[in-house]
Amino acid sequence: MTEKGQIYRCDICGNIVNVFCEGAGKLVCCEVPMELLNEKQDADGAIKHRPVIEKSDVGVKVKVGEVPHPMEENHHIEWVELATANQVFIQFLKPGDQPEAEFPVDLETGLKARSYCNIHGLWKS
């Protein structure tokens, strides 16, 4: 059973699925079940991976890591997500970009951020 907000990855081809509606089925890719990714927060490497939410001129900035995450071809943040009670924003990143994203929302309680590192997986604020 899938739940809203879960992230799944195919261990064969690398496809990633963000679940927006709950369902009773299993997610399958390349003819095998997809892996449910666990959100990390305080694991080793948190200082470079955990998203940090702060106020910005646009609304909210999500920076990946207290120390900026590398954005190299073989090690980078693929995307940053910010969720409010009613909306989800995603900014896709590529090597060479800054490991951060800005979103046009008010700084409010209940904001949740996640980031995905191509090597170290899924992280939450």
PDB file of N, CA and C in Angstrom:
ATOM      1  N   MET A   1       0.841  -1.186   0.000  1.00  0.00           N
ATOM      2  CA  MET A   1       0.000   0.000   0.000  1.00  0.00           C
ATOM      3  C   MET A   1       0.883   1.247   0.000  1.00  0.00           C
ATOM      4  N   THR A   2       0.607   2.133  -0.908  1.00  0.00           N
ATOM      5  CA  THR A   2       1.372   3.376  -0.970  1.00  0.00           C
ATOM      6  C   THR A   2       0.647   4.475  -0.199  1.00  0.00           C
ATOM      7  N   GLU A   3       1.426   5.419   0.334  1.00  0.00           N
ATOM      8  CA  GLU A   3       0.871   6.536   1.077  1.00  0.00           C
ATOM      9  C   GLU A   3       1.317   7.846   0.453  1.00  0.00           C
ATOM     10  N   LYS A   4       0.455   8.825   0.522  1.00  0.00           N
ATOM     11  CA  LYS A   4       0.747  10.162   0.005  1.00  0.00           C
ATOM     12  C   LYS A   4       2.054  10.675   0.607  1.00  0.00           C
ATOM     13  N   GLY A   5       2.944  11.176  -0.267  1.00  0.00           N
ATOM     14  CA  GLY A   5       4.210  11.735   0.182  1.00  0.00           C
ATOM     15  C   GLY A   5       5.380  10.765   0.176  1.00  0.00           C
ATOM     16  N   GLN A   6       5.119   9.492  -0.030  1.00  0.00           N
ATOM     17  CA  GLN A   6       6.222   8.536  -0.070  1.00  0.00           C
ATOM     18  C   GLN A   6       7.002   8.687  -1.374  1.00  0.00           C
ATOM     19  N   ILE A   7       8.293   8.359  -1.298  1.00  0.00           N
ATOM     20  CA  ILE A   7       9.172   8.388  -2.462  1.00  0.00           C
ATOM     21  C   ILE A   7       9.679   6.961  -2.687  1.00  0.00           C
ATOM     22  N   TYR A   8       9.548   6.488  -3.925  1.00  0.00           N
ATOM     23  CA  TYR A   8      10.023   5.161  -4.305  1.00  0.00           C
ATOM     24  C   TYR A   8      11.064   5.293  -5.410  1.00  0.00           C
ATOM     25  N   ARG A   9      12.039   4.372  -5.408  1.00  0.00           N
ATOM     26  CA  ARG A   9      13.078   4.351  -6.444  1.00  0.00           C
ATOM     27  C   ARG A   9      13.229   2.935  -6.990  1.00  0.00           C
ATOM     28  N   CYS A  10      13.459   2.866  -8.295  1.00  0.00           N
ATOM     29  CA  CYS A  10      13.761   1.590  -8.931  1.00  0.00           C
ATOM     30  C   CYS A  10      15.259   1.346  -8.796  1.00  0.00           C
ATOM     31  N   ASP A  11      15.624   0.220  -8.198  1.00  0.00           N
ATOM     32  CA  ASP A  11      17.041  -0.103  -8.008  1.00  0.00           C
ATOM     33  C   ASP A  11      17.724  -0.531  -9.307  1.00  0.00           C
ATOM     34  N   ILE A  12      16.949  -0.784 -10.347  1.00  0.00           N
ATOM     35  CA  ILE A  12      17.540  -1.207 -11.614  1.00  0.00           C
ATOM     36  C   ILE A  12      17.826  -0.013 -12.520  1.00  0.00           C
ATOM     37  N   CYS A  13      16.808   0.814 -12.787  1.00  0.00           N
ATOM     38  CA  CYS A  13      16.990   1.914 -13.742  1.00  0.00           C
ATOM     39  C   CYS A  13      17.114   3.291 -13.091  1.00  0.00           C
ATOM     40  N   GLY A  14      16.771   3.407 -11.804  1.00  0.00           N
ATOM     41  CA  GLY A  14      16.902   4.681 -11.111  1.00  0.00           C
ATOM     42  C   GLY A  14      15.682   5.581 -11.168  1.00  0.00           C
ATOM     43  N   ASN A  15      14.576   5.140 -11.810  1.00  0.00           N
ATOM     44  CA  ASN A  15      13.359   5.945 -11.811  1.00  0.00           C
ATOM     45  C   ASN A  15      12.935   6.254 -10.386  1.00  0.00           C
ATOM     46  N   ILE A  16      12.407   7.459 -10.172  1.00  0.00           N
ATOM     47  CA  ILE A  16      11.913   7.869  -8.860  1.00  0.00           C
ATOM     48  C   ILE A  16      10.460   8.279  -9.004  1.00  0.00           C
ATOM     49  N   VAL A  17       9.627   7.846  -8.042  1.00  0.00           N
ATOM     50  CA  VAL A  17       8.203   8.160  -8.038  1.00  0.00           C
ATOM     51  C   VAL A  17       7.856   8.847  -6.729  1.00  0.00           C
ATOM     52  N   ASN A  18       7.148   9.985  -6.823  1.00  0.00           N
ATOM     53  CA  ASN A  18       6.629  10.705  -5.671  1.00  0.00           C
ATOM     54  C   ASN A  18       5.131  10.411  -5.632  1.00  0.00           C
ATOM     55  N   VAL A  19       4.641   9.824  -4.558  1.00  0.00           N
ATOM     56  CA  VAL A  19       3.241   9.413  -4.461  1.00  0.00           C
ATOM     57  C   VAL A  19       2.389  10.610  -4.041  1.00  0.00           C
ATOM     58  N   PHE A  20       1.407  10.947  -4.882  1.00  0.00           N
ATOM     59  CA  PHE A  20       0.519  12.067  -4.591  1.00  0.00           C
ATOM     60  C   PHE A  20      -0.858  11.617  -4.114  1.00  0.00           C
ATOM     61  N   CYS A  21      -1.222  10.365  -4.350  1.00  0.00           N
ATOM     62  CA  CYS A  21      -2.497   9.823  -3.879  1.00  0.00           C
ATOM     63  C   CYS A  21      -2.254   8.420  -3.341  1.00  0.00           C
ATOM     64  N   GLU A  22      -2.928   8.093  -2.253  1.00  0.00           N
ATOM     65  CA  GLU A  22      -2.772   6.768  -1.672  1.00  0.00           C
ATOM     66  C   GLU A  22      -3.388   5.713  -2.574  1.00  0.00           C
ATOM     67  N   GLY A  23      -2.811   4.524  -2.533  1.00  0.00           N
ATOM     68  CA  GLY A  23      -3.324   3.437  -3.359  1.00  0.00           C
ATOM     69  C   GLY A  23      -3.057   2.095  -2.725  1.00  0.00           C
ATOM     70  N   ALA A  24      -3.784   1.094  -3.182  1.00  0.00           N
ATOM     71  CA  ALA A  24      -3.656  -0.239  -2.614  1.00  0.00           C
ATOM     72  C   ALA A  24      -2.620  -1.093  -3.342  1.00  0.00           C
ATOM     73  N   GLY A  25      -2.200  -0.666  -4.533  1.00  0.00           N
ATOM     74  CA  GLY A  25      -1.275  -1.472  -5.319  1.00  0.00           C
ATOM     75  C   GLY A  25       0.175  -1.281  -4.908  1.00  0.00           C
ATOM     76  N   LYS A  26       1.039  -2.090  -5.518  1.00  0.00           N
ATOM     77  CA  LYS A  26       2.484  -1.977  -5.319  1.00  0.00           C
ATOM     78  C   LYS A  26       3.074  -1.295  -6.538  1.00  0.00           C
ATOM     79  N   LEU A  27       4.079  -0.463  -6.313  1.00  0.00           N
ATOM     80  CA  LEU A  27       4.758   0.194  -7.421  1.00  0.00           C
ATOM     81  C   LEU A  27       5.840  -0.738  -7.957  1.00  0.00           C
ATOM     82  N   VAL A  28       5.811  -0.955  -9.274  1.00  0.00           N
ATOM     83  CA  VAL A  28       6.733  -1.870  -9.925  1.00  0.00           C
ATOM     84  C   VAL A  28       7.377  -1.155 -11.104  1.00  0.00           C
ATOM     85  N   CYS A  29       8.686  -1.352 -11.267  1.00  0.00           N
ATOM     86  CA  CYS A  29       9.422  -0.816 -12.401  1.00  0.00           C
ATOM     87  C   CYS A  29      10.440  -1.876 -12.810  1.00  0.00           C
ATOM     88  N   CYS A  30      10.717  -1.983 -14.074  1.00  0.00           N
ATOM     89  CA  CYS A  30      11.672  -2.990 -14.575  1.00  0.00           C
ATOM     90  C   CYS A  30      11.313  -4.388 -14.069  1.00  0.00           C
ATOM     91  N   GLU A  31      10.007  -4.614 -13.895  1.00  0.00           N
ATOM     92  CA  GLU A  31       9.450  -5.897 -13.481  1.00  0.00           C
ATOM     93  C   GLU A  31       9.813  -6.316 -12.064  1.00  0.00           C
ATOM     94  N   VAL A  32      10.253  -5.365 -11.224  1.00  0.00           N
ATOM     95  CA  VAL A  32      10.525  -5.651  -9.807  1.00  0.00           C
ATOM     96  C   VAL A  32       9.889  -4.545  -8.953  1.00  0.00           C
ATOM     97  N   PRO A  33       9.506  -4.875  -7.702  1.00  0.00           N
ATOM     98  CA  PRO A  33       8.935  -3.850  -6.825  1.00  0.00           C
ATOM     99  C   PRO A  33       9.941  -2.710  -6.591  1.00  0.00           C
ATOM    100  N   MET A  34       9.423  -1.484  -6.534  1.00  0.00           N
ATOM    101  CA  MET A  34      10.271  -0.322  -6.279  1.00  0.00           C
ATOM    102  C   MET A  34      10.587  -0.241  -4.782  1.00  0.00           C
ATOM    103  N   GLU A  35      11.726   0.363  -4.458  1.00  0.00           N
ATOM    104  CA  GLU A  35      12.175   0.504  -3.077  1.00  0.00           C
ATOM    105  C   GLU A  35      11.591   1.772  -2.461  1.00  0.00           C
ATOM    106  N   LEU A  36      10.971   1.635  -1.287  1.00  0.00           N
ATOM    107  CA  LEU A  36      10.503   2.789  -0.534  1.00  0.00           C
ATOM    108  C   LEU A  36      11.712   3.447   0.123  1.00  0.00           C
ATOM    109  N   LEU A  37      11.922   4.736  -0.145  1.00  0.00           N
ATOM    110  CA  LEU A  37      13.059   5.449   0.442  1.00  0.00           C
ATOM    111  C   LEU A  37      12.675   6.008   1.803  1.00  0.00           C
ATOM    112  N   ASN A  38      13.529   5.797   2.771  1.00  0.00           N
ATOM    113  CA  ASN A  38      13.333   6.361   4.097  1.00  0.00           C
ATOM    114  C   ASN A  38      13.957   7.744   4.148  1.00  0.00           C
ATOM    115  N   GLU A  39      13.252   8.691   4.758  1.00  0.00           N
ATOM    116  CA  GLU A  39      13.771  10.048   4.910  1.00  0.00           C
ATOM    117  C   GLU A  39      14.787  10.064   6.044  1.00  0.00           C
ATOM    118  N   LYS A  40      15.974  10.538   5.749  1.00  0.00           N
ATOM    119  CA  LYS A  40      17.010  10.660   6.767  1.00  0.00           C
ATOM    120  C   LYS A  40      16.987  12.083   7.314  1.00  0.00           C
ATOM    121  N   GLN A  41      17.384  12.224   8.578  1.00  0.00           N
ATOM    122  CA  GLN A  41      17.436  13.558   9.164  1.00  0.00           C
ATOM    123  C   GLN A  41      18.691  13.742   9.999  1.00  0.00           C
ATOM    124  N   ASP A  42      18.981  12.787  10.836  1.00  0.00           N
ATOM    125  CA  ASP A  42      20.108  12.930  11.753  1.00  0.00           C
ATOM    126  C   ASP A  42      21.205  11.899  11.528  1.00  0.00           C
ATOM    127  N   ALA A  43      21.206  11.253  10.389  1.00  0.00           N
ATOM    128  CA  ALA A  43      22.213  10.239  10.077  1.00  0.00           C
ATOM    129  C   ALA A  43      23.554  10.901   9.758  1.00  0.00           C
ATOM    130  N   ASP A  44      24.591  10.078   9.637  1.00  0.00           N
ATOM    131  CA  ASP A  44      25.886  10.599   9.205  1.00  0.00           C
ATOM    132  C   ASP A  44      25.710  11.352   7.894  1.00  0.00           C
ATOM    133  N   GLY A  45      26.335  12.498   7.793  1.00  0.00           N
ATOM    134  CA  GLY A  45      26.242  13.304   6.587  1.00  0.00           C
ATOM    135  C   GLY A  45      25.158  14.355   6.636  1.00  0.00           C
ATOM    136  N   ALA A  46      24.435  14.454   7.751  1.00  0.00           N
ATOM    137  CA  ALA A  46      23.324  15.408   7.847  1.00  0.00           C
ATOM    138  C   ALA A  46      23.775  16.842   7.627  1.00  0.00           C
ATOM    139  N   ILE A  47      24.986  17.184   8.050  1.00  0.00           N
ATOM    140  CA  ILE A  47      25.459  18.567   7.931  1.00  0.00           C
ATOM    141  C   ILE A  47      25.516  19.034   6.478  1.00  0.00           C
ATOM    142  N   LYS A  48      25.650  18.095   5.509  1.00  0.00           N
ATOM    143  CA  LYS A  48      25.688  18.458   4.087  1.00  0.00           C
ATOM    144  C   LYS A  48      24.422  18.070   3.332  1.00  0.00           C
ATOM    145  N   HIS A  49      23.481  17.390   3.976  1.00  0.00           N
ATOM    146  CA  HIS A  49      22.321  16.882   3.262  1.00  0.00           C
ATOM    147  C   HIS A  49      20.974  17.373   3.780  1.00  0.00           C
ATOM    148  N   ARG A  50      20.852  17.634   5.071  1.00  0.00           N
ATOM    149  CA  ARG A  50      19.553  18.004   5.641  1.00  0.00           C
ATOM    150  C   ARG A  50      19.131  19.383   5.140  1.00  0.00           C
ATOM    151  N   PRO A  51      17.921  19.527   4.593  1.00  0.00           N
ATOM    152  CA  PRO A  51      17.446  20.826   4.119  1.00  0.00           C
ATOM    153  C   PRO A  51      17.237  21.801   5.283  1.00  0.00           C
ATOM    154  N   VAL A  52      17.589  23.056   5.035  1.00  0.00           N
ATOM    155  CA  VAL A  52      17.423  24.126   6.020  1.00  0.00           C
ATOM    156  C   VAL A  52      16.477  25.157   5.409  1.00  0.00           C
ATOM    157  N   ILE A  53      15.387  25.470   6.116  1.00  0.00           N
ATOM    158  CA  ILE A  53      14.383  26.423   5.637  1.00  0.00           C
ATOM    159  C   ILE A  53      14.650  27.781   6.269  1.00  0.00           C
ATOM    160  N   GLU A  54      14.664  28.825   5.434  1.00  0.00           N
ATOM    161  CA  GLU A  54      14.840  30.180   5.953  1.00  0.00           C
ATOM    162  C   GLU A  54      14.047  31.172   5.109  1.00  0.00           C
ATOM    163  N   LYS A  55      13.770  32.328   5.678  1.00  0.00           N
ATOM    164  CA  LYS A  55      13.038  33.385   4.980  1.00  0.00           C
ATOM    165  C   LYS A  55      13.932  33.988   3.894  1.00  0.00           C
ATOM    166  N   SER A  56      13.302  34.386   2.779  1.00  0.00           N
ATOM    167  CA  SER A  56      14.036  35.041   1.695  1.00  0.00           C
ATOM    168  C   SER A  56      13.181  36.171   1.129  1.00  0.00           C
ATOM    169  N   ASP A  57      13.749  36.935   0.210  1.00  0.00           N
ATOM    170  CA  ASP A  57      13.007  38.018  -0.438  1.00  0.00           C
ATOM    171  C   ASP A  57      11.839  37.493  -1.261  1.00  0.00           C
ATOM    172  N   VAL A  58      11.972  36.302  -1.810  1.00  0.00           N
ATOM    173  CA  VAL A  58      10.922  35.687  -2.637  1.00  0.00           C
ATOM    174  C   VAL A  58       9.842  35.051  -1.768  1.00  0.00           C
ATOM    175  N   GLY A  59      10.226  34.565  -0.611  1.00  0.00           N
ATOM    176  CA  GLY A  59       9.318  33.866   0.297  1.00  0.00           C
ATOM    177  C   GLY A  59      10.110  32.978   1.226  1.00  0.00           C
ATOM    178  N   VAL A  60      10.468  31.787   0.715  1.00  0.00           N
ATOM    179  CA  VAL A  60      11.228  30.818   1.505  1.00  0.00           C
ATOM    180  C   VAL A  60      12.367  30.272   0.653  1.00  0.00           C
ATOM    181  N   LYS A  61      13.535  30.164   1.270  1.00  0.00           N
ATOM    182  CA  LYS A  61      14.677  29.518   0.631  1.00  0.00           C
ATOM    183  C   LYS A  61      14.955  28.216   1.379  1.00  0.00           C
ATOM    184  N   VAL A  62      15.189  27.158   0.611  1.00  0.00           N
ATOM    185  CA  VAL A  62      15.612  25.886   1.179  1.00  0.00           C
ATOM    186  C   VAL A  62      17.039  25.652   0.719  1.00  0.00           C
ATOM    187  N   LYS A  63      17.957  25.659   1.680  1.00  0.00           N
ATOM    188  CA  LYS A  63      19.368  25.382   1.395  1.00  0.00           C
ATOM    189  C   LYS A  63      19.651  23.953   1.819  1.00  0.00           C
ATOM    190  N   VAL A  64      20.409  23.242   1.003  1.00  0.00           N
ATOM    191  CA  VAL A  64      20.727  21.855   1.326  1.00  0.00           C
ATOM    192  C   VAL A  64      22.028  21.819   2.101  1.00  0.00           C
ATOM    193  N   GLY A  65      21.884  21.553   3.391  1.00  0.00           N
ATOM    194  CA  GLY A  65      23.021  21.435   4.289  1.00  0.00           C
ATOM    195  C   GLY A  65      23.379  22.725   4.997  1.00  0.00           C
ATOM    196  N   GLU A  66      23.844  22.573   6.222  1.00  0.00           N
ATOM    197  CA  GLU A  66      24.421  23.710   6.948  1.00  0.00           C
ATOM    198  C   GLU A  66      25.722  24.118   6.278  1.00  0.00           C
ATOM    199  N   VAL A  67      26.415  23.139   5.724  1.00  0.00           N
ATOM    200  CA  VAL A  67      27.585  23.334   4.873  1.00  0.00           C
ATOM    201  C   VAL A  67      27.106  22.968   3.469  1.00  0.00           C
ATOM    202  N   PRO A  68      27.289  23.848   2.469  1.00  0.00           N
ATOM    203  CA  PRO A  68      26.726  23.566   1.137  1.00  0.00           C
ATOM    204  C   PRO A  68      27.147  22.204   0.575  1.00  0.00           C
ATOM    205  N   HIS A  69      26.165  21.516   0.037  1.00  0.00           N
ATOM    206  CA  HIS A  69      26.381  20.192  -0.554  1.00  0.00           C
ATOM    207  C   HIS A  69      27.159  20.340  -1.862  1.00  0.00           C
ATOM    208  N   PRO A  70      28.063  19.403  -2.180  1.00  0.00           N
ATOM    209  CA  PRO A  70      28.741  19.425  -3.485  1.00  0.00           C
ATOM    210  C   PRO A  70      27.726  19.309  -4.617  1.00  0.00           C
ATOM    211  N   MET A  71      28.014  19.951  -5.717  1.00  0.00           N
ATOM    212  CA  MET A  71      27.147  19.876  -6.894  1.00  0.00           C
ATOM    213  C   MET A  71      27.988  19.480  -8.094  1.00  0.00           C
ATOM    214  N   GLU A  72      28.635  18.312  -7.974  1.00  0.00           N
ATOM    215  CA  GLU A  72      29.512  17.780  -9.002  1.00  0.00           C
ATOM    216  C   GLU A  72      28.751  16.764  -9.859  1.00  0.00           C
ATOM    217  N   GLU A  73      29.273  16.443 -11.003  1.00  0.00           N
ATOM    218  CA  GLU A  73      28.619  15.510 -11.922  1.00  0.00           C
ATOM    219  C   GLU A  73      28.292  14.179 -11.246  1.00  0.00           C
ATOM    220  N   ASN A  74      29.215  13.646 -10.455  1.00  0.00           N
ATOM    221  CA  ASN A  74      29.005  12.325  -9.860  1.00  0.00           C
ATOM    222  C   ASN A  74      28.419  12.372  -8.444  1.00  0.00           C
ATOM    223  N   HIS A  75      28.207  13.570  -7.872  1.00  0.00           N
ATOM    224  CA  HIS A  75      27.651  13.709  -6.516  1.00  0.00           C
ATOM    225  C   HIS A  75      26.946  15.058  -6.426  1.00  0.00           C
ATOM    226  N   HIS A  76      25.619  15.022  -6.431  1.00  0.00           N
ATOM    227  CA  HIS A  76      24.858  16.275  -6.417  1.00  0.00           C
ATOM    228  C   HIS A  76      23.441  16.061  -5.878  1.00  0.00           C
ATOM    229  N   ILE A  77      22.785  17.171  -5.580  1.00  0.00           N
ATOM    230  CA  ILE A  77      21.382  17.164  -5.192  1.00  0.00           C
ATOM    231  C   ILE A  77      20.558  17.221  -6.476  1.00  0.00           C
ATOM    232  N   GLU A  78      19.651  16.273  -6.638  1.00  0.00           N
ATOM    233  CA  GLU A  78      18.830  16.215  -7.851  1.00  0.00           C
ATOM    234  C   GLU A  78      17.602  17.105  -7.760  1.00  0.00           C
ATOM    235  N   TRP A  79      17.008  17.208  -6.555  1.00  0.00           N
ATOM    236  CA  TRP A  79      15.832  18.056  -6.387  1.00  0.00           C
ATOM    237  C   TRP A  79      15.633  18.453  -4.941  1.00  0.00           C
ATOM    238  N   VAL A  80      14.911  19.561  -4.778  1.00  0.00           N
ATOM    239  CA  VAL A  80      14.528  20.077  -3.467  1.00  0.00           C
ATOM    240  C   VAL A  80      13.015  20.231  -3.493  1.00  0.00           C
ATOM    241  N   GLU A  81      12.368  19.813  -2.423  1.00  0.00           N
ATOM    242  CA  GLU A  81      10.914  19.879  -2.327  1.00  0.00           C
ATOM    243  C   GLU A  81      10.527  20.658  -1.080  1.00  0.00           C
ATOM    244  N   LEU A  82       9.498  21.499  -1.203  1.00  0.00           N
ATOM    245  CA  LEU A  82       8.926  22.204  -0.058  1.00  0.00           C
ATOM    246  C   LEU A  82       7.439  21.924  -0.038  1.00  0.00           C
ATOM    247  N   ALA A  83       6.915  21.487   1.118  1.00  0.00           N
ATOM    248  CA  ALA A  83       5.495  21.179   1.249  1.00  0.00           C
ATOM    249  C   ALA A  83       4.865  22.064   2.317  1.00  0.00           C
ATOM    250  N   THR A  84       3.711  22.639   1.960  1.00  0.00           N
ATOM    251  CA  THR A  84       2.874  23.350   2.913  1.00  0.00           C
ATOM    252  C   THR A  84       1.705  22.415   3.225  1.00  0.00           C
ATOM    253  N   ALA A  85       0.725  22.909   3.955  1.00  0.00           N
ATOM    254  CA  ALA A  85      -0.449  22.083   4.256  1.00  0.00           C
ATOM    255  C   ALA A  85      -1.220  21.719   2.986  1.00  0.00           C
ATOM    256  N   ASN A  86      -1.184  22.608   1.952  1.00  0.00           N
ATOM    257  CA  ASN A  86      -2.006  22.399   0.759  1.00  0.00           C
ATOM    258  C   ASN A  86      -1.244  22.298  -0.549  1.00  0.00           C
ATOM    259  N   GLN A  87       0.063  22.564  -0.542  1.00  0.00           N
ATOM    260  CA  GLN A  87       0.820  22.614  -1.793  1.00  0.00           C
ATOM    261  C   GLN A  87       2.159  21.897  -1.648  1.00  0.00           C
ATOM    262  N   VAL A  88       2.670  21.450  -2.810  1.00  0.00           N
ATOM    263  CA  VAL A  88       4.010  20.875  -2.866  1.00  0.00           C
ATOM    264  C   VAL A  88       4.746  21.561  -4.017  1.00  0.00           C
ATOM    265  N   PHE A  89       5.940  22.071  -3.723  1.00  0.00           N
ATOM    266  CA  PHE A  89       6.794  22.726  -4.716  1.00  0.00           C
ATOM    267  C   PHE A  89       8.042  21.886  -4.889  1.00  0.00           C
ATOM    268  N   ILE A  90       8.498  21.720  -6.138  1.00  0.00           N
ATOM    269  CA  ILE A  90       9.727  20.974  -6.402  1.00  0.00           C
ATOM    270  C   ILE A  90      10.594  21.795  -7.347  1.00  0.00           C
ATOM    271  N   GLN A  91      11.877  21.896  -7.002  1.00  0.00           N
ATOM    272  CA  GLN A  91      12.858  22.538  -7.877  1.00  0.00           C
ATOM    273  C   GLN A  91      13.891  21.477  -8.238  1.00  0.00           C
ATOM    274  N   PHE A  92      14.057  21.219  -9.530  1.00  0.00           N
ATOM    275  CA  PHE A  92      15.062  20.264  -9.986  1.00  0.00           C
ATOM    276  C   PHE A  92      16.385  20.995 -10.143  1.00  0.00           C
ATOM    277  N   LEU A  93      17.474  20.345  -9.738  1.00  0.00           N
ATOM    278  CA  LEU A  93      18.811  20.921  -9.808  1.00  0.00           C
ATOM    279  C   LEU A  93      19.698  20.045 -10.683  1.00  0.00           C
ATOM    280  N   LYS A  94      20.832  20.619 -11.087  1.00  0.00           N
ATOM    281  CA  LYS A  94      21.801  19.858 -11.877  1.00  0.00           C
ATOM    282  C   LYS A  94      23.205  20.227 -11.411  1.00  0.00           C
ATOM    283  N   PRO A  95      24.195  19.424 -11.761  1.00  0.00           N
ATOM    284  CA  PRO A  95      25.570  19.743 -11.372  1.00  0.00           C
ATOM    285  C   PRO A  95      25.925  21.177 -11.785  1.00  0.00           C
ATOM    286  N   GLY A  96      26.611  21.878 -10.892  1.00  0.00           N
ATOM    287  CA  GLY A  96      26.996  23.261 -11.136  1.00  0.00           C
ATOM    288  C   GLY A  96      26.036  24.276 -10.536  1.00  0.00           C
ATOM    289  N   ASP A  97      24.776  23.874 -10.277  1.00  0.00           N
ATOM    290  CA  ASP A  97      23.820  24.771  -9.619  1.00  0.00           C
ATOM    291  C   ASP A  97      24.187  24.941  -8.146  1.00  0.00           C
ATOM    292  N   GLN A  98      23.621  25.955  -7.525  1.00  0.00           N
ATOM    293  CA  GLN A  98      23.728  26.089  -6.077  1.00  0.00           C
ATOM    294  C   GLN A  98      22.795  25.056  -5.444  1.00  0.00           C
ATOM    295  N   PRO A  99      23.190  24.453  -4.314  1.00  0.00           N
ATOM    296  CA  PRO A  99      22.326  23.448  -3.673  1.00  0.00           C
ATOM    297  C   PRO A  99      21.229  24.116  -2.838  1.00  0.00           C
ATOM    298  N   GLU A 100      20.348  24.843  -3.515  1.00  0.00           N
ATOM    299  CA  GLU A 100      19.273  25.565  -2.832  1.00  0.00           C
ATOM    300  C   GLU A 100      18.165  25.882  -3.825  1.00  0.00           C
ATOM    301  N   ALA A 101      17.005  26.256  -3.277  1.00  0.00           N
ATOM    302  CA  ALA A 101      15.860  26.630  -4.105  1.00  0.00           C
ATOM    303  C   ALA A 101      15.007  27.626  -3.340  1.00  0.00           C
ATOM    304  N   GLU A 102      14.377  28.545  -4.087  1.00  0.00           N
ATOM    305  CA  GLU A 102      13.469  29.514  -3.473  1.00  0.00           C
ATOM    306  C   GLU A 102      12.060  29.254  -3.963  1.00  0.00           C
ATOM    307  N   PHE A 103      11.109  29.445  -3.044  1.00  0.00           N
ATOM    308  CA  PHE A 103       9.712  29.188  -3.345  1.00  0.00           C
ATOM    309  C   PHE A 103       8.860  30.358  -2.873  1.00  0.00           C
ATOM    310  N   PRO A 104       7.822  30.726  -3.630  1.00  0.00           N
ATOM    311  CA  PRO A 104       6.993  31.885  -3.296  1.00  0.00           C
ATOM    312  C   PRO A 104       5.903  31.562  -2.272  1.00  0.00           C
ATOM    313  N   VAL A 105       6.306  31.238  -1.058  1.00  0.00           N
ATOM    314  CA  VAL A 105       5.358  30.955   0.023  1.00  0.00           C
ATOM    315  C   VAL A 105       5.791  31.727   1.264  1.00  0.00           C
ATOM    316  N   ASP A 106       4.834  31.969   2.159  1.00  0.00           N
ATOM    317  CA  ASP A 106       5.147  32.634   3.417  1.00  0.00           C
ATOM    318  C   ASP A 106       5.819  31.644   4.358  1.00  0.00           C
ATOM    319  N   LEU A 107       6.730  32.161   5.159  1.00  0.00           N
ATOM    320  CA  LEU A 107       7.363  31.338   6.181  1.00  0.00           C
ATOM    321  C   LEU A 107       6.313  31.065   7.243  1.00  0.00           C
ATOM    322  N   GLU A 108       5.906  29.849   7.376  1.00  0.00           N
ATOM    323  CA  GLU A 108       4.851  29.488   8.316  1.00  0.00           C
ATOM    324  C   GLU A 108       5.241  28.212   9.033  1.00  0.00           C
ATOM    325  N   THR A 109       4.586  27.961  10.135  1.00  0.00           N
ATOM    326  CA  THR A 109       4.848  26.704  10.823  1.00  0.00           C
ATOM    327  C   THR A 109       4.260  25.576  10.001  1.00  0.00           C
ATOM    328  N   GLY A 110       4.849  24.442  10.088  1.00  0.00           N
ATOM    329  CA  GLY A 110       4.362  23.288   9.361  1.00  0.00           C
ATOM    330  C   GLY A 110       5.003  23.085   8.001  1.00  0.00           C
ATOM    331  N   LEU A 111       5.901  23.978   7.579  1.00  0.00           N
ATOM    332  CA  LEU A 111       6.605  23.759   6.319  1.00  0.00           C
ATOM    333  C   LEU A 111       7.530  22.560   6.475  1.00  0.00           C
ATOM    334  N   LYS A 112       7.594  21.747   5.428  1.00  0.00           N
ATOM    335  CA  LYS A 112       8.483  20.587   5.438  1.00  0.00           C
ATOM    336  C   LYS A 112       9.292  20.603   4.156  1.00  0.00           C
ATOM    337  N   ALA A 113      10.576  20.351   4.282  1.00  0.00           N
ATOM    338  CA  ALA A 113      11.450  20.320   3.109  1.00  0.00           C
ATOM    339  C   ALA A 113      12.130  18.961   3.015  1.00  0.00           C
ATOM    340  N   ARG A 114      12.381  18.545   1.763  1.00  0.00           N
ATOM    341  CA  ARG A 114      13.137  17.324   1.503  1.00  0.00           C
ATOM    342  C   ARG A 114      14.098  17.606   0.368  1.00  0.00           C
ATOM    343  N   SER A 115      15.196  16.864   0.369  1.00  0.00           N
ATOM    344  CA  SER A 115      16.161  16.943  -0.726  1.00  0.00           C
ATOM    345  C   SER A 115      16.592  15.527  -1.068  1.00  0.00           C
ATOM    346  N   TYR A 116      17.022  15.352  -2.340  1.00  0.00           N
ATOM    347  CA  TYR A 116      17.447  14.034  -2.784  1.00  0.00           C
ATOM    348  C   TYR A 116      18.849  14.113  -3.360  1.00  0.00           C
ATOM    349  N   CYS A 117      19.778  13.421  -2.714  1.00  0.00           N
ATOM    350  CA  CYS A 117      21.162  13.314  -3.167  1.00  0.00           C
ATOM    351  C   CYS A 117      21.287  12.046  -4.014  1.00  0.00           C
ATOM    352  N   ASN A 118      21.933  12.168  -5.172  1.00  0.00           N
ATOM    353  CA  ASN A 118      22.037  11.012  -6.063  1.00  0.00           C
ATOM    354  C   ASN A 118      22.845   9.862  -5.451  1.00  0.00           C
ATOM    355  N   ILE A 119      23.626  10.130  -4.413  1.00  0.00           N
ATOM    356  CA  ILE A 119      24.396   9.068  -3.757  1.00  0.00           C
ATOM    357  C   ILE A 119      23.833   8.701  -2.382  1.00  0.00           C
ATOM    358  N   HIS A 120      23.470   9.710  -1.580  1.00  0.00           N
ATOM    359  CA  HIS A 120      23.084   9.482  -0.185  1.00  0.00           C
ATOM    360  C   HIS A 120      21.593   9.503   0.079  1.00  0.00           C
ATOM    361  N   GLY A 121      20.774   9.587  -0.972  1.00  0.00           N
ATOM    362  CA  GLY A 121      19.343   9.394  -0.824  1.00  0.00           C
ATOM    363  C   GLY A 121      18.531  10.589  -0.356  1.00  0.00           C
ATOM    364  N   LEU A 122      17.408  10.282   0.299  1.00  0.00           N
ATOM    365  CA  LEU A 122      16.373  11.236   0.659  1.00  0.00           C
ATOM    366  C   LEU A 122      16.589  11.781   2.069  1.00  0.00           C
ATOM    367  N   TRP A 123      16.500  13.116   2.202  1.00  0.00           N
ATOM    368  CA  TRP A 123      16.704  13.804   3.476  1.00  0.00           C
ATOM    369  C   TRP A 123      15.540  14.736   3.751  1.00  0.00           C
ATOM    370  N   LYS A 124      15.225  14.934   5.036  1.00  0.00           N
ATOM    371  CA  LYS A 124      14.145  15.849   5.405  1.00  0.00           C
ATOM    372  C   LYS A 124      14.630  16.871   6.420  1.00  0.00           C
ATOM    373  N   SER A 125      13.901  17.997   6.460  1.00  0.00           N
ATOM    374  CA  SER A 125      14.242  19.066   7.402  1.00  0.00           C
ATOM    375  C   SER A 125      13.789  18.709   8.810  1.00  0.00           C
TER     376      SER A 125
END
